[in-house]
C-alpha atoms as a PDB file:
ATOM      1  CA  MET A   1     108.268 100.159  60.872  1.00  0.00           C
ATOM      2  CA  ALA A   2     103.919  98.798  61.419  1.00  0.00           C
ATOM      3  CA  PHE A   3     102.797 100.532  58.169  1.00  0.00           C
ATOM      4  CA  ILE A   4     105.605  99.114  55.965  1.00  0.00           C
ATOM      5  CA  LEU A   5     105.532  95.098  57.148  1.00  0.00           C
ATOM      6  CA  ASP A   6     101.496  95.652  57.482  1.00  0.00           C
ATOM      7  CA  ASP A   7     102.050  96.876  53.317  1.00  0.00           C
ATOM      8  CA  ILE A   8     104.813  93.678  52.561  1.00  0.00           C
ATOM      9  CA  LEU A   9     102.010  91.427  54.444  1.00  0.00           C
ATOM     10  CA  LEU A  10      98.844  92.118  53.042  1.00  0.00           C
ATOM     11  CA  ALA A  11     100.333  92.493  49.312  1.00  0.00           C
ATOM     12  CA  PRO A  12      99.281  89.169  48.250  1.00  0.00           C
ATOM     13  CA  CYS A  13      95.085  89.245  49.158  1.00  0.00           C
ATOM     14  CA  LYS A  14      95.797  92.455  48.195  1.00  0.00           C
ATOM     15  CA  PHE A  15      97.254  91.721  45.121  1.00  0.00           C
ATOM     16  CA  VAL A  16      94.321  88.686  44.472  1.00  0.00           C
ATOM     17  CA  THR A  17      91.632  91.405  45.213  1.00  0.00           C
ATOM     18  CA  TRP A  18      92.693  93.313  42.455  1.00  0.00           C
ATOM     19  CA  ILE A  19      92.878  90.617  39.776  1.00  0.00           C
ATOM     20  CA  GLY A  20      89.419  89.193  41.132  1.00  0.00           C
ATOM     21  CA  ARG A  21      88.349  92.933  40.487  1.00  0.00           C
ATOM     22  CA  THR A  22      90.092  93.380  36.989  1.00  0.00           C
ATOM     23  CA  LEU A  23      88.776  89.980  35.978  1.00  0.00           C
ATOM     24  CA  TYR A  24      84.755  91.103  36.861  1.00  0.00           C
ATOM     25  CA  ASP A  25      84.887  94.377  35.590  1.00  0.00           C
ATOM     26  CA  GLN A  26      85.817  92.829  31.839  1.00  0.00           C
ATOM     27  CA  ALA A  27      83.710  90.171  32.144  1.00  0.00           C
ATOM     28  CA  LEU A  28      81.121  92.588  33.224  1.00  0.00           C
ATOM     29  CA  ALA A  29      81.648  94.469  29.783  1.00  0.00           C
ATOM     30  CA  GLU A  30      81.526  92.046  27.684  1.00  0.00           C
ATOM     31  CA  VAL A  31      78.130  90.710  28.928  1.00  0.00           C
ATOM     32  CA  THR A  32      76.743  93.867  28.987  1.00  0.00           C
ATOM     33  CA  ASP A  33      78.167  94.787  25.304  1.00  0.00           C
ATOM     34  CA  GLU A  34      75.214  95.705  22.795  1.00  0.00           C
ATOM     35  CA  SER A  35      77.905  95.744  20.056  1.00  0.00           C
ATOM     36  CA  VAL A  36      77.872  91.555  20.179  1.00  0.00           C
ATOM     37  CA  ILE A  37      74.040  90.896  20.270  1.00  0.00           C
ATOM     38  CA  ARG A  38      73.530  94.193  17.341  1.00  0.00           C
ATOM     39  CA  GLU A  39      76.528  92.483  14.678  1.00  0.00           C
ATOM     40  CA  ARG A  40      74.295  88.769  15.666  1.00  0.00           C
ATOM     41  CA  LEU A  41      71.399  90.097  14.321  1.00  0.00           C
ATOM     42  CA  LEU A  42      72.658  92.193  11.502  1.00  0.00           C
ATOM     43  CA  ASP A  43      73.883  88.223  10.938  1.00  0.00           C
ATOM     44  CA  LEU A  44      70.680  86.763  11.239  1.00  0.00           C
ATOM     45  CA  GLN A  45      68.899  89.476   9.264  1.00  0.00           C
ATOM     46  CA  THR A  46      71.555  89.043   5.610  1.00  0.00           C
ATOM     47  CA  ARG A  47      70.821  84.888   6.887  1.00  0.00           C
ATOM     48  CA  LEU A  48      67.480  84.753   6.199  1.00  0.00           C
ATOM     49  CA  GLU A  49      67.587  87.072   2.972  1.00  0.00           C
ATOM     50  CA  LEU A  50      70.399  84.949   1.873  1.00  0.00           C
ATOM     51  CA  GLU A  51      67.969  82.216   2.714  1.00  0.00           C
ATOM     52  CA  GLN A  52      70.384  80.866   4.568  1.00  0.00           C
ATOM     53  CA  ILE A  53      67.614  79.959   7.450  1.00  0.00           C
ATOM     54  CA  GLY A  54      63.683  79.957   8.001  1.00  0.00           C
ATOM     55  CA  GLU A  55      60.987  82.613   8.897  1.00  0.00           C
ATOM     56  CA  ASP A  56      60.620  80.083  11.908  1.00  0.00           C
ATOM     57  CA  GLU A  57      64.297  80.196  12.315  1.00  0.00           C
ATOM     58  CA  TYR A  58      64.538  83.854  12.770  1.00  0.00           C
ATOM     59  CA  ILE A  59      61.610  84.948  14.645  1.00  0.00           C
ATOM     60  CA  LYS A  60      62.926  82.453  16.999  1.00  0.00           C
ATOM     61  CA  GLN A  61      66.668  83.120  17.414  1.00  0.00           C
ATOM     62  CA  GLU A  62      65.534  87.263  17.039  1.00  0.00           C
ATOM     63  CA  ASN A  63      63.217  86.823  20.007  1.00  0.00           C
ATOM     64  CA  ALA A  64      66.323  85.382  22.509  1.00  0.00           C
ATOM     65  CA  LEU A  65      68.006  88.154  21.593  1.00  0.00           C
ATOM     66  CA  MET A  66      65.679  91.031  21.183  1.00  0.00           C
ATOM     67  CA  ARG A  67      65.247  89.471  24.881  1.00  0.00           C
ATOM     68  CA  ARG A  68      69.634  89.625  25.646  1.00  0.00           C
ATOM     69  CA  LEU A  69      69.241  93.117  24.945  1.00  0.00           C
ATOM     70  CA  ASN A  70      66.446  94.453  26.546  1.00  0.00           C
ATOM     71  CA  GLU A  71      68.037  93.326  29.749  1.00  0.00           C
ATOM     72  CA  ILE A  72      70.697  94.646  28.960  1.00  0.00           C
ATOM     73  CA  HIS A  73      69.111  98.231  29.009  1.00  0.00           C
ATOM     74  CA  LYS A  74      67.701  97.049  32.059  1.00  0.00           C
ATOM     75  CA  TYR A  75      70.671  96.362  34.066  1.00  0.00           C
ATOM     76  CA  LYS A  76      72.394  99.543  32.713  1.00  0.00           C
ATOM     77  CA  GLU A  77      70.152 101.170  33.985  1.00  0.00           C
ATOM     78  CA  SER A  78      69.439  99.685  37.427  1.00  0.00           C
ATOM     79  CA  ARG A  79      73.826 100.635  37.428  1.00  0.00           C
ATOM     80  CA  GLN A  80      72.930 104.307  37.014  1.00  0.00           C
ATOM     81  CA  LYS A  81      69.877 104.769  39.399  1.00  0.00           C
ATOM     82  CA  ALA A  82      71.794 102.914  41.860  1.00  0.00           C
ATOM     83  CA  CYS A  83      75.188 105.563  41.602  1.00  0.00           C
ATOM     84  CA  LEU A  84      72.993 108.251  41.486  1.00  0.00           C
END
């Protein structure tokens, strides 16, 4: 009987915790998604080839995207090491 009462009283807290964990996992998946960065790099290359942007702007944006890609790789490596 006590276990049922505990479950009923703690259900809102467990639900909020579950929602928080789900939102965190979803945000982490979006932030560490390499495909978005790769798409932006391809788009940037296309814009350069079509002369929509100059080479200086291309280099600036490419460096920013490559830094982000490297950060994602480092983060994923650190998580893999932490799991071992």
